[in-house]
Amino acid sequence: MTLQISNVPLAQAECDWLIVATAEPVELAGPLEALNGALGGALARLKESGDLTGSAGEIVSLRGIAGAAAKRVLLVGLGKAADLDVQRLDKALMTAVREVTSKRSMRVAIAVGGAGGLSRPQVAQSAATAAVVGGSGPGLYKQEAGRYPLESITLIESSDDSGAFKASVERGEILGQSINLARELINRGPHEIYPESFAERARQAAADCGFGCEVFDEGRMRHERFGSMLAVAQGSERPPRMVVLDYRGADPGAPTLAFVGKGVTFDSGGLSLKPTDGMLTMKCDMAGAATVLAAVTAIARLKLKVNIQGYLGLVENMVSGTSYKLGDVLTARNGVTIEVHNTDAEGRLVLADVLAYAVDAGVDRIIDLATLTGACVVALGEEVVGSFTNNAAWGEQVMAAAKSCGEDMWPMPMHSHFADLLKSDVADVKNVGPRWGGAVTAAKFLEKFVGDKPWVHLDIAGPAFASSSKPHRDGGATGCMVRTLVEVASRAAST
């Protein structure tokens, strides 16, 4: 896909589809007034008939038109300008792009301008991201994919181009490509994405984007005392891997931010076997690791002045005669002993060792991401990420970054009494608590492996993998939290 910027009048944009966003109520002024004139008053007639209102998510398409260089025009509603935010803008633009990507080789132009309280560069970034993400679907193994990348995208900006505008377009394109990397890795089947192949994809991305990548094999993991993570892996024929990504964009003495991702490339539940319905989508249980890899590639390509370490804990949780068992007592890297009460609560066992390793490596702040608990989905639904922290100020910073990106996140309680639910008679801790408060007890378990480092745990079990399609996105992997991690890094770079 080629992406370019142009300041031609809307009616002169040569393309298969011209996409124009309209606020509610529709005002035929400026470039929209000129387009209406070129189309012989077609927009005014649509408005008069009530078919063009600008309401949020409204789609109006004009085909077989005369008077414009575009073959077709698509108008997408933004809703009331006063209510417009990044999330609503993203959804509208994604909806529009997805409307035009069901055929191959589409050339698309998008009219870009300030909208509501959003600046031209903000709109341009969203448009560039939508153009990239909207042309990529989950049909990786279909003979006819059903959704196709755009051949070209032209962002039409009526004002003179500025450095900030061009930088926003570039950032939006990079974010879109990184989100698609996460989506692709998550959507691929476990026959393709397993610890070794995932680690190889990480090596490839590091070589392409210019950051360091070190892969730990089983021997290195035993040497590093990854007793908890190795226990999860021992039932599978696929050996585990731990990947360390190293991006150095700031001075050596600058703080280092750690992103830690759960990478269970397939989760059968182990001896605590999942039913078919629960296991069907468990290729997505490595979404945390995919998100970290995608975010680091974006940060490196954007050349942000920040130091980032990414940690990916990659295992399969399978059933065999060598599977770890209920009642086993594991010893994690930091010496904490863990009594296993449920082998399907394996993600926290993987993260325990990886988090402890990050702490020992001397990182300054940590964010971990994991499709960790169904309990978080019960609490917050499929669209909202649960946020847990041991440091209120750090948690608020991550929340603010997510909000600015239009990604929904909600703070969850971390009261000390939840830790009491994990007490064991034979070890330092159990790996699960009772039925109630499961998302919180999982976070309290992880807290035992971060020491006094400022830490945020993001439970992405709901938003990482959509159960069905909506007008603004396909079902399957969503790439959620890639933008938030990049924004956190951007803000760290500016301080």
Protein backbone atom coordinates (compact mmCIF):
# COMPACT_ATOMS: atom_id res chain seq x y z
CA MET A 1 0.00 0.00 0.00
CA THR A 2 1.27 3.44 -0.89
CA LEU A 3 0.29 6.37 1.33
CA GLN A 4 0.50 9.99 0.26
CA ILE A 5 -0.71 13.46 1.21
CA SER A 6 -2.47 15.80 -1.22
CA ASN A 7 -4.20 19.17 -1.06
CA VAL A 8 -6.35 18.82 -4.19
CA PRO A 9 -10.05 19.79 -3.92
CA LEU A 10 -12.20 16.82 -2.96
CA ALA A 11 -13.92 16.70 -6.33
CA GLN A 12 -10.54 16.35 -8.07
CA ALA A 13 -9.29 13.36 -6.06
CA GLU A 14 -8.82 10.48 -8.49
CA CYS A 15 -9.72 7.29 -6.63
CA ASP A 16 -12.13 4.39 -6.42
CA TRP A 17 -13.58 5.69 -3.14
CA LEU A 18 -13.57 9.16 -1.62
CA ILE A 19 -14.28 8.95 2.12
CA VAL A 20 -15.61 12.07 3.85
CA ALA A 21 -16.46 12.26 7.56
CA THR A 22 -19.42 14.42 8.55
CA ALA A 23 -20.43 15.70 11.98
CA GLU A 24 -24.01 16.00 13.24
CA PRO A 25 -25.77 18.16 12.10
CA VAL A 26 -24.21 18.12 8.64
CA GLU A 27 -22.97 21.55 7.56
CA LEU A 28 -22.37 21.90 3.82
CA ALA A 29 -19.57 24.42 4.15
CA GLY A 30 -15.96 24.70 2.98
CA PRO A 31 -14.65 21.63 1.12
CA LEU A 32 -17.97 19.81 1.66
CA GLU A 33 -19.87 22.69 0.04
CA ALA A 34 -17.53 22.57 -2.97
CA LEU A 35 -18.00 18.80 -3.26
CA ASN A 36 -21.77 19.22 -3.08
CA GLY A 37 -21.60 21.70 -5.94
CA ALA A 38 -19.49 19.38 -8.06
CA LEU A 39 -21.99 16.58 -7.45
CA GLY A 40 -24.90 18.74 -8.60
CA GLY A 41 -26.34 19.25 -5.11
CA ALA A 42 -26.51 15.53 -4.32
CA LEU A 43 -25.37 16.04 -0.72
CA ALA A 44 -27.91 18.77 -0.10
CA ARG A 45 -30.69 16.52 -1.40
CA LEU A 46 -29.55 13.67 0.87
CA LYS A 47 -29.54 16.04 3.82
CA GLU A 48 -32.98 17.39 2.98
CA SER A 49 -34.43 13.89 2.72
CA GLY A 50 -32.96 12.90 6.09
CA ASP A 51 -30.61 10.32 4.56
CA LEU A 52 -27.50 12.29 5.53
CA THR A 53 -27.50 13.26 9.22
CA GLY A 54 -23.89 12.79 10.39
CA SER A 55 -25.01 10.55 13.26
CA ALA A 56 -22.29 8.34 14.73
CA GLY A 57 -21.52 5.37 12.50
CA GLU A 58 -23.89 6.41 9.71
CA ILE A 59 -22.76 5.20 6.28
CA VAL A 60 -24.05 6.78 3.06
CA SER A 61 -22.56 5.72 -0.26
CA LEU A 62 -22.92 7.39 -3.66
CA ARG A 63 -22.16 5.26 -6.71
CA GLY A 64 -22.22 6.00 -10.40
CA ILE A 65 -21.65 9.67 -9.71
CA ALA A 66 -20.85 12.45 -12.17
CA GLY A 67 -18.97 15.67 -11.52
CA ALA A 68 -16.12 14.24 -9.40
CA ALA A 69 -12.94 12.39 -10.27
CA ALA A 70 -13.74 9.71 -7.67
CA LYS A 71 -15.75 6.72 -8.87
CA ARG A 72 -17.70 6.56 -5.61
CA VAL A 73 -18.17 8.68 -2.48
CA LEU A 74 -18.70 7.32 1.02
CA LEU A 75 -19.90 9.59 3.83
CA VAL A 76 -19.40 8.41 7.41
CA GLY A 77 -21.01 10.02 10.43
CA LEU A 78 -19.02 11.21 13.44
CA GLY A 79 -21.93 12.14 15.70
CA LYS A 80 -22.14 15.48 17.47
CA ALA A 81 -18.90 17.45 17.28
CA ALA A 82 -19.03 18.23 21.01
CA ASP A 83 -19.01 14.49 21.80
CA LEU A 84 -16.24 13.54 19.38
CA ASP A 85 -13.17 11.91 20.86
CA VAL A 86 -10.37 9.70 19.52
CA GLN A 87 -12.31 6.49 20.10
CA ARG A 88 -15.39 7.66 18.21
CA LEU A 89 -13.23 9.01 15.38
CA ASP A 90 -11.30 5.73 15.14
CA LYS A 91 -14.51 3.71 15.00
CA ALA A 92 -16.01 5.92 12.30
CA LEU A 93 -12.92 5.81 10.10
CA MET A 94 -12.47 2.07 10.61
CA THR A 95 -16.11 1.51 9.70
CA ALA A 96 -15.64 3.53 6.52
CA VAL A 97 -12.45 1.78 5.45
CA ARG A 98 -13.92 -1.66 6.14
CA GLU A 99 -16.83 -0.74 3.86
CA VAL A 100 -14.45 -0.35 0.90
CA THR A 101 -11.94 -3.16 1.43
CA SER A 102 -14.05 -6.15 0.39
CA LYS A 103 -12.60 -5.89 -3.13
CA ARG A 104 -9.01 -6.00 -4.32
CA SER A 105 -6.89 -3.07 -5.50
CA MET A 106 -8.97 -0.21 -4.16
CA ARG A 107 -7.55 3.31 -4.37
CA VAL A 108 -8.98 5.38 -1.54
CA ALA A 109 -8.82 9.05 -0.61
CA ILE A 110 -9.84 10.33 2.83
CA ALA A 111 -10.67 13.95 3.52
CA VAL A 112 -8.72 15.03 6.60
CA GLY A 113 -9.47 18.11 8.67
CA GLY A 114 -9.92 19.15 12.26
CA ALA A 115 -13.08 17.71 13.80
CA GLY A 116 -14.68 18.65 17.10
CA GLY A 117 -11.86 19.18 19.58
CA LEU A 118 -9.43 17.02 17.58
CA SER A 119 -6.62 18.59 15.57
CA ARG A 120 -5.77 17.91 11.94
CA PRO A 121 -2.72 15.81 12.90
CA GLN A 122 -4.85 13.71 15.27
CA VAL A 123 -7.39 13.05 12.53
CA ALA A 124 -4.60 12.27 10.06
CA GLN A 125 -3.04 9.73 12.43
CA SER A 126 -6.38 7.98 12.94
CA ALA A 127 -7.05 7.95 9.21
CA ALA A 128 -3.65 6.44 8.42
CA THR A 129 -4.09 3.75 11.07
CA ALA A 130 -7.61 2.92 9.87
CA ALA A 131 -6.40 2.68 6.29
CA VAL A 132 -3.83 0.05 7.27
CA VAL A 133 -5.86 -1.94 9.82
CA GLY A 134 -9.16 -1.81 7.95
CA GLY A 135 -7.73 -3.69 4.98
CA SER A 136 -6.55 -6.65 7.03
CA GLY A 137 -8.96 -9.35 8.20
CA PRO A 138 -8.76 -12.66 10.07
CA GLY A 139 -9.17 -14.84 6.95
CA LEU A 140 -5.50 -15.82 6.78
CA TYR A 141 -6.24 -19.33 5.54
CA LYS A 142 -9.16 -18.59 3.17
CA GLN A 143 -8.76 -18.91 -0.59
CA GLU A 144 -10.71 -15.63 -0.79
CA ALA A 145 -9.74 -13.55 2.22
CA GLY A 146 -12.86 -11.36 2.17
CA ARG A 147 -10.85 -8.27 3.08
CA TYR A 148 -7.95 -6.82 1.12
CA PRO A 149 -5.25 -4.19 1.72
CA LEU A 150 -5.77 -0.93 -0.11
CA GLU A 151 -3.67 -0.38 -3.21
CA SER A 152 -3.17 3.26 -2.28
CA ILE A 153 -4.41 5.77 0.25
CA THR A 154 -4.38 9.54 -0.22
CA LEU A 155 -5.02 11.81 2.75
CA ILE A 156 -6.49 15.05 1.46
CA GLU A 157 -5.56 18.06 3.54
CA SER A 158 -6.80 21.44 2.35
CA SER A 159 -4.26 23.46 4.34
CA ASP A 160 -0.55 23.63 3.65
CA ASP A 161 1.30 20.54 4.77
CA SER A 162 3.19 20.84 8.02
CA GLY A 163 5.88 18.77 9.67
CA ALA A 164 3.49 17.80 12.46
CA PHE A 165 0.89 16.62 9.96
CA LYS A 166 3.36 14.47 8.02
CA ALA A 167 4.77 13.04 11.26
CA SER A 168 1.25 12.11 12.40
CA VAL A 169 0.56 10.32 9.11
CA GLU A 170 3.81 8.37 9.45
CA ARG A 171 3.03 7.52 13.07
CA GLY A 172 -0.48 6.38 12.15
CA GLU A 173 0.83 4.13 9.41
CA ILE A 174 3.43 2.56 11.71
CA LEU A 175 0.83 2.02 14.44
CA GLY A 176 -1.48 0.35 11.94
CA GLN A 177 1.25 -1.98 10.74
CA SER A 178 2.21 -2.87 14.31
CA ILE A 179 -1.41 -3.53 15.28
CA ASN A 180 -1.68 -5.80 12.24
CA LEU A 181 1.47 -7.65 13.33
CA ALA A 182 -0.16 -8.42 16.69
CA ARG A 183 -3.43 -9.40 15.00
CA GLU A 184 -1.72 -11.68 12.54
CA LEU A 185 0.31 -13.50 15.19
CA ILE A 186 -2.78 -14.01 17.34
CA ASN A 187 -5.02 -15.08 14.46
CA ARG A 188 -2.59 -17.70 13.16
CA GLY A 189 -3.21 -21.24 14.33
CA PRO A 190 -1.11 -22.98 16.99
CA HIS A 191 0.28 -25.29 14.31
CA GLU A 192 2.16 -22.22 13.04
CA ILE A 193 2.66 -20.11 16.15
CA TYR A 194 4.38 -22.04 18.94
CA PRO A 195 7.27 -21.00 21.23
CA GLU A 196 10.10 -21.64 18.76
CA SER A 197 8.34 -20.09 15.75
CA PHE A 198 7.18 -17.09 17.79
CA ALA A 199 10.75 -16.55 18.98
CA GLU A 200 11.93 -16.67 15.37
CA ARG A 201 9.35 -14.04 14.40
CA ALA A 202 10.71 -11.88 17.22
CA ARG A 203 14.28 -12.29 15.90
CA GLN A 204 13.07 -11.32 12.43
CA ALA A 205 11.25 -8.23 13.70
CA ALA A 206 14.28 -7.15 15.72
CA ALA A 207 16.54 -7.46 12.68
CA ASP A 208 14.09 -5.53 10.50
CA CYS A 209 13.47 -2.71 13.01
CA GLY A 210 16.89 -2.35 14.62
CA PHE A 211 16.61 -3.53 18.22
CA GLY A 212 18.21 -6.34 20.17
CA CYS A 213 16.70 -9.78 20.62
CA GLU A 214 17.96 -12.64 22.83
CA VAL A 215 16.21 -16.01 23.01
CA PHE A 216 16.52 -18.28 26.06
CA ASP A 217 16.23 -22.01 25.40
CA GLU A 218 15.35 -24.60 28.03
CA GLY A 219 18.92 -24.91 29.24
CA ARG A 220 19.25 -21.17 29.76
CA MET A 221 15.86 -21.07 31.49
CA ARG A 222 16.92 -23.83 33.89
CA HIS A 223 20.11 -21.90 34.58
CA GLU A 224 18.02 -18.79 35.30
CA ARG A 225 15.82 -20.80 37.73
CA PHE A 226 12.55 -20.50 35.77
CA GLY A 227 11.01 -23.33 37.77
CA SER A 228 7.44 -22.06 37.53
CA MET A 229 7.38 -21.44 33.78
CA LEU A 230 9.22 -24.67 32.94
CA ALA A 231 6.62 -26.67 34.86
CA VAL A 232 3.85 -25.30 32.63
CA ALA A 233 5.85 -26.23 29.51
CA GLN A 234 6.77 -29.78 30.51
CA GLY A 235 3.58 -31.41 29.19
CA SER A 236 4.21 -30.24 25.61
CA GLU A 237 6.45 -31.59 22.89
CA ARG A 238 7.14 -27.97 21.93
CA PRO A 239 10.00 -26.59 24.05
CA PRO A 240 9.47 -23.23 25.76
CA ARG A 241 11.31 -20.03 24.99
CA MET A 242 11.84 -16.73 26.76
CA VAL A 243 12.60 -13.74 24.55
CA VAL A 244 14.24 -10.50 25.66
CA LEU A 245 13.77 -7.50 23.35
CA ASP A 246 16.13 -4.57 23.89
CA TYR A 247 15.52 -1.13 22.40
CA ARG A 248 17.88 1.66 23.42
CA GLY A 249 16.70 5.02 22.18
CA ALA A 250 17.82 7.10 25.17
CA ASP A 251 21.06 7.58 27.08
CA PRO A 252 22.40 4.50 28.89
CA GLY A 253 21.65 6.11 32.25
CA ALA A 254 18.02 6.88 31.40
CA PRO A 255 15.27 4.81 33.09
CA THR A 256 14.27 1.53 31.47
CA LEU A 257 10.62 0.64 30.97
CA ALA A 258 9.72 -3.06 30.82
CA PHE A 259 6.84 -4.56 28.85
CA VAL A 260 6.13 -8.18 29.83
CA GLY A 261 3.84 -10.40 27.77
CA LYS A 262 2.19 -13.72 28.51
CA GLY A 263 2.82 -15.97 25.54
CA VAL A 264 0.92 -19.23 26.00
CA THR A 265 0.76 -20.16 22.32
CA PHE A 266 -1.94 -22.73 23.04
CA ASP A 267 -3.72 -23.45 26.30
CA SER A 268 -5.48 -26.78 26.66
CA GLY A 269 -5.83 -26.17 30.40
CA GLY A 270 -3.38 -28.98 31.14
CA LEU A 271 -4.73 -31.68 33.45
CA SER A 272 -7.44 -29.19 34.47
CA LEU A 273 -8.64 -29.66 30.90
CA LYS A 274 -10.80 -27.01 29.27
CA PRO A 275 -14.04 -28.05 27.52
CA THR A 276 -14.15 -27.64 23.74
CA ASP A 277 -15.90 -24.25 23.85
CA GLY A 278 -13.32 -22.92 26.27
CA MET A 279 -10.39 -24.27 24.29
CA LEU A 280 -11.52 -23.26 20.82
CA THR A 281 -9.96 -19.78 20.84
CA MET A 282 -6.93 -20.59 22.97
CA LYS A 283 -4.56 -19.77 20.15
CA CYS A 284 -5.13 -16.21 21.42
CA ASP A 285 -3.56 -16.91 24.82
CA MET A 286 -0.30 -15.42 23.56
CA ALA A 287 -1.91 -12.03 22.89
CA GLY A 288 0.11 -10.34 25.64
CA ALA A 289 3.40 -11.40 24.06
CA ALA A 290 2.18 -10.43 20.57
CA THR A 291 1.19 -7.00 21.87
CA VAL A 292 4.60 -6.43 23.44
CA LEU A 293 6.45 -7.46 20.27
CA ALA A 294 4.21 -5.25 18.12
CA ALA A 295 4.62 -2.24 20.42
CA VAL A 296 8.41 -2.54 20.53
CA THR A 297 8.56 -2.68 16.71
CA ALA A 298 6.53 0.54 16.55
CA ILE A 299 8.68 2.25 19.18
CA ALA A 300 11.84 1.30 17.31
CA ARG A 301 10.51 2.44 13.94
CA LEU A 302 9.39 5.74 15.47
CA LYS A 303 12.88 6.13 16.99
CA LEU A 304 11.47 7.24 20.33
CA LYS A 305 14.06 8.50 22.80
CA VAL A 306 13.32 5.91 25.47
CA ASN A 307 14.84 2.67 26.73
CA ILE A 308 12.50 -0.33 26.48
CA GLN A 309 12.96 -3.96 27.44
CA GLY A 310 10.35 -6.43 26.23
CA TYR A 311 9.99 -9.87 27.82
CA LEU A 312 8.01 -12.67 26.18
CA GLY A 313 7.27 -15.87 28.11
CA LEU A 314 6.45 -18.48 25.44
CA VAL A 315 5.03 -21.92 26.28
CA GLU A 316 2.34 -24.42 25.34
CA ASN A 317 0.12 -25.78 28.12
CA MET A 318 -0.61 -29.33 27.01
CA VAL A 319 -1.63 -32.71 28.42
CA SER A 320 0.73 -35.70 28.55
CA GLY A 321 2.34 -38.08 30.99
CA THR A 322 4.86 -35.36 31.82
CA SER A 323 2.29 -32.62 32.54
CA TYR A 324 2.60 -30.79 35.81
CA LYS A 325 0.01 -31.89 38.33
CA LEU A 326 -2.35 -30.57 40.96
CA GLY A 327 -0.51 -30.66 44.24
CA ASP A 328 2.91 -30.03 42.71
CA VAL A 329 4.97 -27.39 44.48
CA LEU A 330 6.99 -25.19 42.13
CA THR A 331 9.84 -22.83 42.97
CA ALA A 332 9.89 -19.60 41.01
CA ARG A 333 13.01 -17.63 40.13
CA ASN A 334 12.74 -15.37 43.18
CA GLY A 335 12.43 -18.35 45.54
CA VAL A 336 8.67 -18.14 46.11
CA THR A 337 7.14 -21.63 46.33
CA ILE A 338 3.80 -22.22 44.62
CA GLU A 339 1.29 -24.98 45.31
CA VAL A 340 -0.59 -25.87 42.11
CA HIS A 341 -4.35 -26.09 42.61
CA ASN A 342 -5.33 -25.61 38.96
CA THR A 343 -3.15 -26.26 35.91
CA ASP A 344 -5.41 -23.97 33.85
CA ALA A 345 -4.18 -21.01 35.90
CA GLU A 346 -0.88 -21.29 34.05
CA GLY A 347 -0.43 -17.75 32.71
CA ARG A 348 0.45 -16.39 36.13
CA LEU A 349 3.02 -19.18 36.55
CA VAL A 350 4.68 -18.11 33.30
CA LEU A 351 4.64 -14.44 34.24
CA ALA A 352 5.99 -15.13 37.73
CA ASP A 353 9.44 -16.08 36.44
CA VAL A 354 9.50 -13.51 33.64
CA LEU A 355 8.52 -10.66 35.97
CA ALA A 356 11.13 -11.74 38.51
CA TYR A 357 13.75 -11.80 35.76
CA ALA A 358 12.81 -8.26 34.65
CA VAL A 359 13.14 -7.04 38.24
CA ASP A 360 16.58 -8.65 38.55
CA ALA A 361 17.59 -7.04 35.23
CA GLY A 362 17.16 -3.65 36.90
CA VAL A 363 14.24 -2.19 34.98
CA ASP A 364 12.63 0.85 36.54
CA ARG A 365 8.92 0.39 35.76
CA ILE A 366 6.88 -2.55 34.51
CA ILE A 367 3.71 -3.14 32.53
CA ASP A 368 2.59 -6.72 31.97
CA LEU A 369 -0.15 -7.78 29.59
CA ALA A 370 -1.98 -11.09 29.70
CA THR A 371 -5.17 -12.81 28.64
CA LEU A 372 -5.18 -13.91 32.24
CA THR A 373 -8.67 -14.49 33.62
CA GLY A 374 -12.23 -15.13 32.52
CA ALA A 375 -13.16 -13.41 35.76
CA CYS A 376 -12.02 -10.08 34.33
CA VAL A 377 -14.30 -10.59 31.34
CA VAL A 378 -17.19 -11.34 33.71
CA ALA A 379 -16.42 -8.14 35.61
CA LEU A 380 -15.77 -5.74 32.73
CA GLY A 381 -17.12 -7.37 29.58
CA GLU A 382 -15.32 -7.95 26.30
CA GLU A 383 -14.41 -4.33 25.52
CA VAL A 384 -12.61 -3.09 28.65
CA VAL A 385 -9.12 -3.89 29.94
CA GLY A 386 -8.72 -4.40 33.68
CA SER A 387 -5.84 -2.46 35.25
CA PHE A 388 -4.16 -3.51 38.51
CA THR A 389 -1.22 -1.75 40.13
CA ASN A 390 0.98 -1.50 43.21
CA ASN A 391 1.68 2.18 42.51
CA ALA A 392 -1.25 4.58 42.09
CA ALA A 393 0.74 7.26 40.25
CA TRP A 394 2.10 4.77 37.71
CA GLY A 395 -1.33 3.25 37.26
CA GLU A 396 -2.83 6.67 36.57
CA GLN A 397 -0.16 7.40 33.95
CA VAL A 398 -0.96 4.20 32.09
CA MET A 399 -4.70 4.92 32.34
CA ALA A 400 -4.18 8.42 30.93
CA ALA A 401 -2.19 7.05 28.00
CA ALA A 402 -4.94 4.54 27.22
CA LYS A 403 -7.63 7.22 27.37
CA SER A 404 -5.72 9.46 24.96
CA CYS A 405 -5.58 6.54 22.49
CA GLY A 406 -9.28 5.75 22.78
CA GLU A 407 -8.65 2.38 24.45
CA ASP A 408 -10.95 1.55 27.36
CA MET A 409 -9.38 0.59 30.67
CA TRP A 410 -10.74 0.42 34.21
CA PRO A 411 -8.85 0.35 37.55
CA MET A 412 -9.48 -2.69 39.71
CA PRO A 413 -9.03 -3.03 43.52
CA MET A 414 -5.85 -4.42 45.01
CA HIS A 415 -6.84 -4.61 48.69
CA SER A 416 -4.48 -6.65 50.84
CA HIS A 417 -7.16 -9.11 51.99
CA PHE A 418 -7.28 -10.59 48.48
CA ALA A 419 -3.76 -11.93 49.05
CA ASP A 420 -5.03 -13.92 52.05
CA LEU A 421 -7.15 -15.98 49.64
CA LEU A 422 -3.93 -17.40 48.14
CA LYS A 423 -2.46 -18.77 51.37
CA SER A 424 -1.27 -22.36 51.23
CA ASP A 425 -0.60 -24.86 54.01
CA VAL A 426 2.41 -26.36 52.25
CA ALA A 427 3.94 -23.54 50.19
CA ASP A 428 4.29 -19.78 50.17
CA VAL A 429 1.26 -19.34 47.92
CA LYS A 430 -1.38 -21.21 45.91
CA ASN A 431 -1.74 -20.43 42.23
CA VAL A 432 -5.50 -19.83 42.53
CA GLY A 433 -7.92 -18.51 45.09
CA PRO A 434 -11.65 -19.23 45.46
CA ARG A 435 -14.20 -18.57 42.74
CA TRP A 436 -14.93 -14.98 43.70
CA GLY A 437 -12.61 -12.09 42.82
CA GLY A 438 -10.55 -14.24 40.47
CA ALA A 439 -9.12 -11.37 38.43
CA VAL A 440 -7.91 -9.65 41.59
CA THR A 441 -6.41 -12.74 43.22
CA ALA A 442 -4.53 -13.40 39.96
CA ALA A 443 -3.10 -9.89 40.12
CA LYS A 444 -2.21 -10.31 43.81
CA PHE A 445 -0.35 -13.48 42.85
CA LEU A 446 1.69 -11.58 40.24
CA GLU A 447 2.42 -8.84 42.75
CA LYS A 448 4.61 -11.30 44.66
CA PHE A 449 7.12 -11.28 41.78
CA VAL A 450 7.63 -7.56 41.12
CA GLY A 451 9.27 -6.51 44.40
CA ASP A 452 8.96 -2.78 44.97
CA LYS A 453 9.06 -1.83 41.29
CA PRO A 454 6.18 0.36 40.07
CA TRP A 455 4.06 -2.16 38.19
CA VAL A 456 0.81 -2.28 36.23
CA HIS A 457 -0.89 -5.53 35.24
CA LEU A 458 -3.29 -5.33 32.29
CA ASP A 459 -5.77 -8.18 32.00
CA ILE A 460 -6.70 -8.13 28.30
CA ALA A 461 -8.69 -11.39 28.29
CA GLY A 462 -11.82 -9.69 26.92
CA PRO A 463 -10.63 -7.04 24.45
CA ALA A 464 -7.71 -8.97 22.91
CA PHE A 465 -9.89 -11.36 20.92
CA ALA A 466 -13.35 -10.34 19.72
CA SER A 467 -16.01 -13.04 19.71
CA SER A 468 -17.83 -11.46 16.75
CA SER A 469 -17.47 -8.74 14.13
CA LYS A 470 -18.82 -5.21 14.44
CA PRO A 471 -19.00 -2.45 11.81
CA HIS A 472 -15.69 -1.00 13.01
CA ARG A 473 -13.73 -4.23 13.46
CA ASP A 474 -13.48 -7.87 12.51
CA GLY A 475 -13.91 -10.72 14.93
CA GLY A 476 -10.74 -12.37 16.18
CA ALA A 477 -7.58 -10.55 17.25
CA THR A 478 -7.95 -6.82 17.80
CA GLY A 479 -4.42 -5.60 18.54
CA CYS A 480 -5.68 -3.76 21.61
CA MET A 481 -3.13 -1.99 23.82
CA VAL A 482 -0.46 -1.63 21.11
CA ARG A 483 -1.29 2.06 20.83
CA THR A 484 -1.38 2.46 24.60
CA LEU A 485 2.09 0.95 25.09
CA VAL A 486 3.50 3.18 22.34
CA GLU A 487 1.85 6.20 23.95
CA VAL A 488 3.30 5.30 27.35
CA ALA A 489 6.74 5.10 25.73
CA SER A 490 6.19 8.41 23.91
CA ARG A 491 5.31 10.17 27.14
CA ALA A 492 8.31 8.64 28.88
CA ALA A 493 10.48 9.95 26.05
CA SER A 494 9.19 13.51 26.48
CA THR A 495 9.98 13.71 30.22
